[in-house]
């Protein structure tokens, strides 16, 4: 009976010891797991380094930055409008746009009825020529298209003639016979038409308009200003 009692007591003790050991092992396992979790949280992963930009990308960024900068405008001096060259075909067809502008009288010639013939002389401040796109007015004569109108407001048909690179338009203007002669740059006045004593002030390197009237054989020479 005593032996059974000792045996039962020993068995109970072993069971108690086993339970305590199992509890201690579980506690140790939980502590280790907690420690491992703490360790994992403490060691954070490093972010991967950004790749370096290539030279081409850097140059592209620099070009874009330069393009975004405001461009400074240079105030250039305004250029004067270019004067068109004398166009004889347009003049023949009644369009005078190519000769609209400023003209200056540089010489005159007249027969003063003193038995010495016609002579070149100084300019006349009363002389004037007015040119628009559709007509040319000088003294009492107006050229418009293929018609010449005189001071009596009577219009007469004009005649056209080309002479050594120059254009001559002529016709009756009232009691006088008049002509409008157009000389482009580089075309000289001929001695046959204007005499051997043409003044040097009449230059060939500029455009000229020569007007003639049978009234005292009066001639006016204008050059483009």
C-alpha atoms as a PDB file:
ATOM      1  CA  UNK A   1       0.000   0.000   0.000  1.00  0.00           C
ATOM      2  CA  UNK A   2       2.820   2.359   0.840  1.00  0.00           C
ATOM      3  CA  UNK A   3       4.555   1.509  -2.418  1.00  0.00           C
ATOM      4  CA  UNK A   4       1.489   2.406  -4.452  1.00  0.00           C
ATOM      5  CA  UNK A   5       1.286   5.688  -2.691  1.00  0.00           C
ATOM      6  CA  UNK A   6       4.917   6.518  -3.442  1.00  0.00           C
ATOM      7  CA  UNK A   7       4.469   5.486  -7.047  1.00  0.00           C
ATOM      8  CA  UNK A   8       1.404   7.735  -7.456  1.00  0.00           C
ATOM      9  CA  UNK A   9       3.231  10.636  -5.828  1.00  0.00           C
ATOM     10  CA  UNK A  10       6.194  10.173  -8.169  1.00  0.00           C
ATOM     11  CA  UNK A  11       3.889  10.072 -11.202  1.00  0.00           C
ATOM     12  CA  UNK A  12       2.143  13.282 -10.191  1.00  0.00           C
ATOM     13  CA  UNK A  13       5.499  14.989  -9.706  1.00  0.00           C
ATOM     14  CA  UNK A  14       6.653  13.947 -13.185  1.00  0.00           C
ATOM     15  CA  UNK A  15       3.452  15.241 -14.712  1.00  0.00           C
ATOM     16  CA  UNK A  16       3.818  18.567 -12.935  1.00  0.00           C
ATOM     17  CA  UNK A  17       7.440  18.875 -14.017  1.00  0.00           C
ATOM     18  CA  UNK A  18       6.499  18.079 -17.627  1.00  0.00           C
ATOM     19  CA  UNK A  19       3.789  20.735 -17.634  1.00  0.00           C
ATOM     20  CA  UNK A  20       6.128  23.359 -16.246  1.00  0.00           C
ATOM     21  CA  UNK A  21       8.785  22.457 -18.810  1.00  0.00           C
ATOM     22  CA  UNK A  22       6.308  22.678 -21.665  1.00  0.00           C
ATOM     23  CA  UNK A  23       5.111  26.048 -20.414  1.00  0.00           C
ATOM     24  CA  UNK A  24       8.698  27.281 -20.141  1.00  0.00           C
ATOM     25  CA  UNK A  25       9.484  26.116 -23.680  1.00  0.00           C
ATOM     26  CA  UNK A  26       6.427  27.871 -25.056  1.00  0.00           C
ATOM     27  CA  UNK A  27       7.409  31.051 -23.271  1.00  0.00           C
ATOM     28  CA  UNK A  28      10.926  30.806 -24.692  1.00  0.00           C
ATOM     29  CA  UNK A  29       9.588  30.237 -28.244  1.00  0.00           C
ATOM     30  CA  UNK A  30       7.250  33.252 -27.975  1.00  0.00           C
ATOM     31  CA  UNK A  31      10.080  35.412 -26.687  1.00  0.00           C
ATOM     32  CA  UNK A  32      12.310  34.361 -29.560  1.00  0.00           C
ATOM     33  CA  UNK A  33       9.587  35.031 -32.085  1.00  0.00           C
ATOM     34  CA  UNK A  34       8.989  38.456 -30.567  1.00  0.00           C
ATOM     35  CA  UNK A  35      12.725  39.138 -30.669  1.00  0.00           C
ATOM     36  CA  UNK A  36      12.887  38.094 -34.322  1.00  0.00           C
ATOM     37  CA  UNK A  37       9.948  40.369 -35.158  1.00  0.00           C
ATOM     38  CA  UNK A  38      11.598  43.268 -33.395  1.00  0.00           C
ATOM     39  CA  UNK A  39      14.808  42.659 -35.288  1.00  0.00           C
ATOM     40  CA  UNK A  40      13.036  42.595 -38.660  1.00  0.00           C
ATOM     41  CA  UNK A  41      11.318  45.898 -37.959  1.00  0.00           C
ATOM     42  CA  UNK A  42      14.557  47.530 -36.851  1.00  0.00           C
ATOM     43  CA  UNK A  43      16.418  46.687 -40.096  1.00  0.00           C
ATOM     44  CA  UNK A  44      14.610  48.645 -42.847  1.00  0.00           C
ATOM     45  CA  UNK A  45      15.373  48.003 -46.482  1.00  0.00           C
ATOM     46  CA  UNK A  46      17.455  50.688 -48.219  1.00  0.00           C
ATOM     47  CA  UNK A  47      15.947  52.463 -51.243  1.00  0.00           C
ATOM     48  CA  UNK A  48      17.694  51.657 -54.487  1.00  0.00           C
ATOM     49  CA  UNK A  49      19.882  54.504 -55.756  1.00  0.00           C
ATOM     50  CA  UNK A  50      18.427  56.527 -58.627  1.00  0.00           C
ATOM     51  CA  UNK A  51      20.198  55.895 -61.926  1.00  0.00           C
ATOM     52  CA  UNK A  52      22.513  58.689 -63.040  1.00  0.00           C
ATOM     53  CA  UNK A  53      21.287  60.775 -65.965  1.00  0.00           C
ATOM     54  CA  UNK A  54      23.188  60.442 -69.182  1.00  0.00           C
ATOM     55  CA  UNK A  55      24.999  63.352 -70.865  1.00  0.00           C
ATOM     56  CA  UNK A  56      22.310  63.474 -73.571  1.00  0.00           C
ATOM     57  CA  UNK A  57      19.568  63.910 -70.979  1.00  0.00           C
ATOM     58  CA  UNK A  58      21.533  66.665 -69.236  1.00  0.00           C
ATOM     59  CA  UNK A  59      22.059  68.470 -72.540  1.00  0.00           C
ATOM     60  CA  UNK A  60      18.364  68.130 -73.377  1.00  0.00           C
ATOM     61  CA  UNK A  61      17.407  69.651 -70.028  1.00  0.00           C
ATOM     62  CA  UNK A  62      19.843  72.528 -70.595  1.00  0.00           C
ATOM     63  CA  UNK A  63      18.384  73.178 -74.056  1.00  0.00           C
ATOM     64  CA  UNK A  64      14.844  73.141 -72.671  1.00  0.00           C
ATOM     65  CA  UNK A  65      15.834  75.603 -69.938  1.00  0.00           C
ATOM     66  CA  UNK A  66      17.424  77.907 -72.518  1.00  0.00           C
ATOM     67  CA  UNK A  67      14.319  77.702 -74.712  1.00  0.00           C
ATOM     68  CA  UNK A  68      12.115  78.715 -71.773  1.00  0.00           C
ATOM     69  CA  UNK A  69      14.095  81.922 -71.230  1.00  0.00           C
ATOM     70  CA  UNK A  70      12.511  85.033 -72.815  1.00  0.00           C
ATOM     71  CA  UNK A  71      14.193  86.130 -76.037  1.00  0.00           C
ATOM     72  CA  UNK A  72      15.449  89.694 -75.996  1.00  0.00           C
ATOM     73  CA  UNK A  73      14.362  91.500 -79.150  1.00  0.00           C
ATOM     74  CA  UNK A  74      16.739  93.900 -80.839  1.00  0.00           C
ATOM     75  CA  UNK A  75      15.142  97.118 -81.971  1.00  0.00           C
ATOM     76  CA  UNK A  76      16.411  97.245 -85.555  1.00  0.00           C
ATOM     77  CA  UNK A  77      16.111 100.491 -87.467  1.00  0.00           C
ATOM     78  CA  UNK A  78      13.081 100.419 -89.817  1.00  0.00           C
ATOM     79  CA  UNK A  79      14.041 100.006 -93.448  1.00  0.00           C
ATOM     80  CA  UNK A  80      12.647 102.559 -95.921  1.00  0.00           C
ATOM     81  CA  UNK A  81      10.305 101.106 -98.558  1.00  0.00           C
ATOM     82  CA  UNK A  82      12.084 100.064-101.723  1.00  0.00           C
ATOM     83  CA  UNK A  83      11.376 102.290-104.745  1.00  0.00           C
ATOM     84  CA  UNK A  84      10.135 100.256-107.731  1.00  0.00           C
ATOM     85  CA  UNK A  85      11.959 100.560-111.026  1.00  0.00           C
ATOM     86  CA  UNK A  86      10.369 102.423-113.908  1.00  0.00           C
ATOM     87  CA  UNK A  87       8.208  99.913-115.772  1.00  0.00           C
ATOM     88  CA  UNK A  88       7.674 101.001-119.382  1.00  0.00           C
ATOM     89  CA  UNK A  89       5.132  98.252-120.127  1.00  0.00           C
ATOM     90  CA  UNK A  90       2.924  99.364-117.239  1.00  0.00           C
ATOM     91  CA  UNK A  91       3.252 103.019-118.292  1.00  0.00           C
ATOM     92  CA  UNK A  92       2.247 102.094-121.851  1.00  0.00           C
ATOM     93  CA  UNK A  93      -0.869 100.406-120.441  1.00  0.00           C
ATOM     94  CA  UNK A  94      -1.850 103.444-118.386  1.00  0.00           C
ATOM     95  CA  UNK A  95      -0.522 102.354-114.981  1.00  0.00           C
ATOM     96  CA  UNK A  96       1.990 104.782-113.446  1.00  0.00           C
ATOM     97  CA  UNK A  97       2.496 103.117-110.052  1.00  0.00           C
ATOM     98  CA  UNK A  98       6.170 102.392-110.806  1.00  0.00           C
ATOM     99  CA  UNK A  99       6.957 106.117-111.142  1.00  0.00           C
ATOM    100  CA  UNK A 100       4.838 107.524-108.320  1.00  0.00           C
ATOM    101  CA  UNK A 101       7.076 109.471-105.942  1.00  0.00           C
ATOM    102  CA  UNK A 102       9.203 112.590-105.785  1.00  0.00           C
ATOM    103  CA  UNK A 103      10.716 114.083-108.921  1.00  0.00           C
ATOM    104  CA  UNK A 104      13.016 117.076-109.215  1.00  0.00           C
ATOM    105  CA  UNK A 105      13.469 119.352-112.224  1.00  0.00           C
ATOM    106  CA  UNK A 106      17.175 119.580-113.123  1.00  0.00           C
ATOM    107  CA  UNK A 107      17.184 121.319-116.504  1.00  0.00           C
ATOM    108  CA  UNK A 108      15.023 123.187-119.035  1.00  0.00           C
ATOM    109  CA  UNK A 109      15.380 124.228-122.656  1.00  0.00           C
ATOM    110  CA  UNK A 110      13.406 126.798-124.634  1.00  0.00           C
ATOM    111  CA  UNK A 111      13.346 128.923-127.760  1.00  0.00           C
ATOM    112  CA  UNK A 112      12.986 132.478-126.566  1.00  0.00           C
ATOM    113  CA  UNK A 113      12.286 133.738-130.104  1.00  0.00           C
ATOM    114  CA  UNK A 114      15.493 135.811-130.194  1.00  0.00           C
ATOM    115  CA  UNK A 115      16.746 134.342-133.460  1.00  0.00           C
ATOM    116  CA  UNK A 116      19.314 132.170-131.600  1.00  0.00           C
ATOM    117  CA  UNK A 117      17.331 128.946-131.469  1.00  0.00           C
ATOM    118  CA  UNK A 118      16.717 126.736-128.436  1.00  0.00           C
ATOM    119  CA  UNK A 119      19.112 126.752-125.486  1.00  0.00           C
ATOM    120  CA  UNK A 120      19.433 124.871-122.203  1.00  0.00           C
ATOM    121  CA  UNK A 121      18.904 127.041-119.164  1.00  0.00           C
ATOM    122  CA  UNK A 122      18.179 127.044-115.428  1.00  0.00           C
ATOM    123  CA  UNK A 123      15.192 125.334-113.860  1.00  0.00           C
ATOM    124  CA  UNK A 124      11.883 127.135-113.607  1.00  0.00           C
ATOM    125  CA  UNK A 125      10.443 127.237-110.038  1.00  0.00           C
ATOM    126  CA  UNK A 126       6.936 127.336-111.518  1.00  0.00           C
ATOM    127  CA  UNK A 127       7.345 123.967-113.258  1.00  0.00           C
ATOM    128  CA  UNK A 128       5.680 121.007-111.604  1.00  0.00           C
ATOM    129  CA  UNK A 129       4.846 117.382-112.359  1.00  0.00           C
ATOM    130  CA  UNK A 130       2.222 115.398-110.434  1.00  0.00           C
ATOM    131  CA  UNK A 131       1.995 111.619-110.805  1.00  0.00           C
ATOM    132  CA  UNK A 132      -0.667 109.276-109.461  1.00  0.00           C
ATOM    133  CA  UNK A 133      -1.397 105.643-110.278  1.00  0.00           C
ATOM    134  CA  UNK A 134      -3.676 106.617-113.170  1.00  0.00           C
ATOM    135  CA  UNK A 135      -2.513 109.982-114.530  1.00  0.00           C
ATOM    136  CA  UNK A 136       0.397 112.403-115.020  1.00  0.00           C
ATOM    137  CA  UNK A 137      -0.242 116.155-114.878  1.00  0.00           C
ATOM    138  CA  UNK A 138       2.183 118.824-116.128  1.00  0.00           C
ATOM    139  CA  UNK A 139       1.182 122.429-116.677  1.00  0.00           C
ATOM    140  CA  UNK A 140      -1.947 122.313-118.856  1.00  0.00           C
ATOM    141  CA  UNK A 141      -1.513 118.722-120.075  1.00  0.00           C
ATOM    142  CA  UNK A 142      -2.771 115.497-118.483  1.00  0.00           C
ATOM    143  CA  UNK A 143      -1.762 111.999-119.623  1.00  0.00           C
ATOM    144  CA  UNK A 144      -4.173 109.237-118.661  1.00  0.00           C
ATOM    145  CA  UNK A 145      -3.981 105.856-120.371  1.00  0.00           C
ATOM    146  CA  UNK A 146      -4.074 106.389-124.109  1.00  0.00           C
ATOM    147  CA  UNK A 147      -5.519 109.903-123.933  1.00  0.00           C
ATOM    148  CA  UNK A 148      -3.979 113.399-123.520  1.00  0.00           C
ATOM    149  CA  UNK A 149      -6.161 116.197-122.209  1.00  0.00           C
ATOM    150  CA  UNK A 150      -5.277 119.890-122.693  1.00  0.00           C
ATOM    151  CA  UNK A 151      -6.199 123.041-120.858  1.00  0.00           C
ATOM    152  CA  UNK A 152      -9.406 123.271-122.918  1.00  0.00           C
ATOM    153  CA  UNK A 153     -10.527 119.944-121.365  1.00  0.00           C
ATOM    154  CA  UNK A 154     -10.505 118.338-124.790  1.00  0.00           C
ATOM    155  CA  UNK A 155      -9.027 114.819-124.852  1.00  0.00           C
ATOM    156  CA  UNK A 156      -7.088 113.462-127.812  1.00  0.00           C
ATOM    157  CA  UNK A 157      -5.706 109.977-128.499  1.00  0.00           C
ATOM    158  CA  UNK A 158      -2.046 109.452-127.644  1.00  0.00           C
ATOM    159  CA  UNK A 159       0.618 107.866-129.824  1.00  0.00           C
ATOM    160  CA  UNK A 160       3.316 105.530-128.490  1.00  0.00           C
ATOM    161  CA  UNK A 161       6.885 105.067-129.701  1.00  0.00           C
ATOM    162  CA  UNK A 162       9.900 103.166-128.380  1.00  0.00           C
ATOM    163  CA  UNK A 163      13.233 104.890-129.092  1.00  0.00           C
ATOM    164  CA  UNK A 164      16.546 103.257-128.058  1.00  0.00           C
ATOM    165  CA  UNK A 165      15.155 101.894-124.778  1.00  0.00           C
ATOM    166  CA  UNK A 166      13.022 104.941-123.962  1.00  0.00           C
ATOM    167  CA  UNK A 167       9.234 105.286-124.236  1.00  0.00           C
ATOM    168  CA  UNK A 168       7.664 108.373-125.831  1.00  0.00           C
ATOM    169  CA  UNK A 169       3.931 109.145-125.550  1.00  0.00           C
ATOM    170  CA  UNK A 170       2.773 112.129-127.608  1.00  0.00           C
ATOM    171  CA  UNK A 171      -0.335 113.879-128.867  1.00  0.00           C
ATOM    172  CA  UNK A 172      -2.261 117.107-129.104  1.00  0.00           C
ATOM    173  CA  UNK A 173      -2.922 119.115-125.957  1.00  0.00           C
ATOM    174  CA  UNK A 174      -5.072 122.119-126.771  1.00  0.00           C
ATOM    175  CA  UNK A 175      -3.226 124.207-129.368  1.00  0.00           C
ATOM    176  CA  UNK A 176       0.158 122.583-128.615  1.00  0.00           C
ATOM    177  CA  UNK A 177       1.704 119.251-129.443  1.00  0.00           C
ATOM    178  CA  UNK A 178       3.225 117.601-126.330  1.00  0.00           C
ATOM    179  CA  UNK A 179       5.258 114.507-125.535  1.00  0.00           C
ATOM    180  CA  UNK A 180       5.999 112.549-122.358  1.00  0.00           C
ATOM    181  CA  UNK A 181       9.333 110.669-122.568  1.00  0.00           C
ATOM    182  CA  UNK A 182      10.382 108.045-120.008  1.00  0.00           C
ATOM    183  CA  UNK A 183      14.036 107.073-119.609  1.00  0.00           C
ATOM    184  CA  UNK A 184      14.881 104.119-117.329  1.00  0.00           C
ATOM    185  CA  UNK A 185      18.180 104.045-115.509  1.00  0.00           C
ATOM    186  CA  UNK A 186      21.094 103.419-117.885  1.00  0.00           C
ATOM    187  CA  UNK A 187      19.347 104.789-121.024  1.00  0.00           C
ATOM    188  CA  UNK A 188      20.987 107.996-122.243  1.00  0.00           C
ATOM    189  CA  UNK A 189      19.248 110.916-123.930  1.00  0.00           C
ATOM    190  CA  UNK A 190      20.178 110.877-127.613  1.00  0.00           C
ATOM    191  CA  UNK A 191      21.833 113.868-129.223  1.00  0.00           C
ATOM    192  CA  UNK A 192      19.526 113.408-132.216  1.00  0.00           C
ATOM    193  CA  UNK A 193      16.487 114.248-130.086  1.00  0.00           C
ATOM    194  CA  UNK A 194      17.977 116.642-127.562  1.00  0.00           C
ATOM    195  CA  UNK A 195      21.058 118.188-129.196  1.00  0.00           C
ATOM    196  CA  UNK A 196      24.798 117.874-128.667  1.00  0.00           C
ATOM    197  CA  UNK A 197      24.909 120.172-125.653  1.00  0.00           C
ATOM    198  CA  UNK A 198      22.925 118.072-123.141  1.00  0.00           C
ATOM    199  CA  UNK A 199      23.782 119.401-119.639  1.00  0.00           C
ATOM    200  CA  UNK A 200      25.954 117.193-117.428  1.00  0.00           C
ATOM    201  CA  UNK A 201      23.394 117.575-114.647  1.00  0.00           C
ATOM    202  CA  UNK A 202      21.205 115.128-116.580  1.00  0.00           C
ATOM    203  CA  UNK A 203      22.682 111.836-115.347  1.00  0.00           C
ATOM    204  CA  UNK A 204      22.222 108.449-116.975  1.00  0.00           C
ATOM    205  CA  UNK A 205      22.473 106.537-113.678  1.00  0.00           C
ATOM    206  CA  UNK A 206      18.994 107.656-112.600  1.00  0.00           C
ATOM    207  CA  UNK A 207      15.476 107.536-114.022  1.00  0.00           C
ATOM    208  CA  UNK A 208      14.281 110.586-115.961  1.00  0.00           C
ATOM    209  CA  UNK A 209      11.064 112.014-117.362  1.00  0.00           C
ATOM    210  CA  UNK A 210      11.426 114.548-120.207  1.00  0.00           C
ATOM    211  CA  UNK A 211       8.420 116.679-121.130  1.00  0.00           C
ATOM    212  CA  UNK A 212       8.267 118.678-124.371  1.00  0.00           C
ATOM    213  CA  UNK A 213       5.771 121.193-125.682  1.00  0.00           C
ATOM    214  CA  UNK A 214       5.693 122.733-129.157  1.00  0.00           C
ATOM    215  CA  UNK A 215       4.910 126.031-127.467  1.00  0.00           C
ATOM    216  CA  UNK A 216       8.372 127.723-127.686  1.00  0.00           C
ATOM    217  CA  UNK A 217       9.888 124.232-127.934  1.00  0.00           C
ATOM    218  CA  UNK A 218       9.832 124.148-124.144  1.00  0.00           C
ATOM    219  CA  UNK A 219      11.544 121.111-122.529  1.00  0.00           C
ATOM    220  CA  UNK A 220      11.595 120.046-118.856  1.00  0.00           C
ATOM    221  CA  UNK A 221      13.843 117.287-117.471  1.00  0.00           C
ATOM    222  CA  UNK A 222      12.943 115.618-114.169  1.00  0.00           C
ATOM    223  CA  UNK A 223      14.951 113.020-112.242  1.00  0.00           C
ATOM    224  CA  UNK A 224      13.685 110.779-109.463  1.00  0.00           C
ATOM    225  CA  UNK A 225      14.671 111.968-105.988  1.00  0.00           C
END
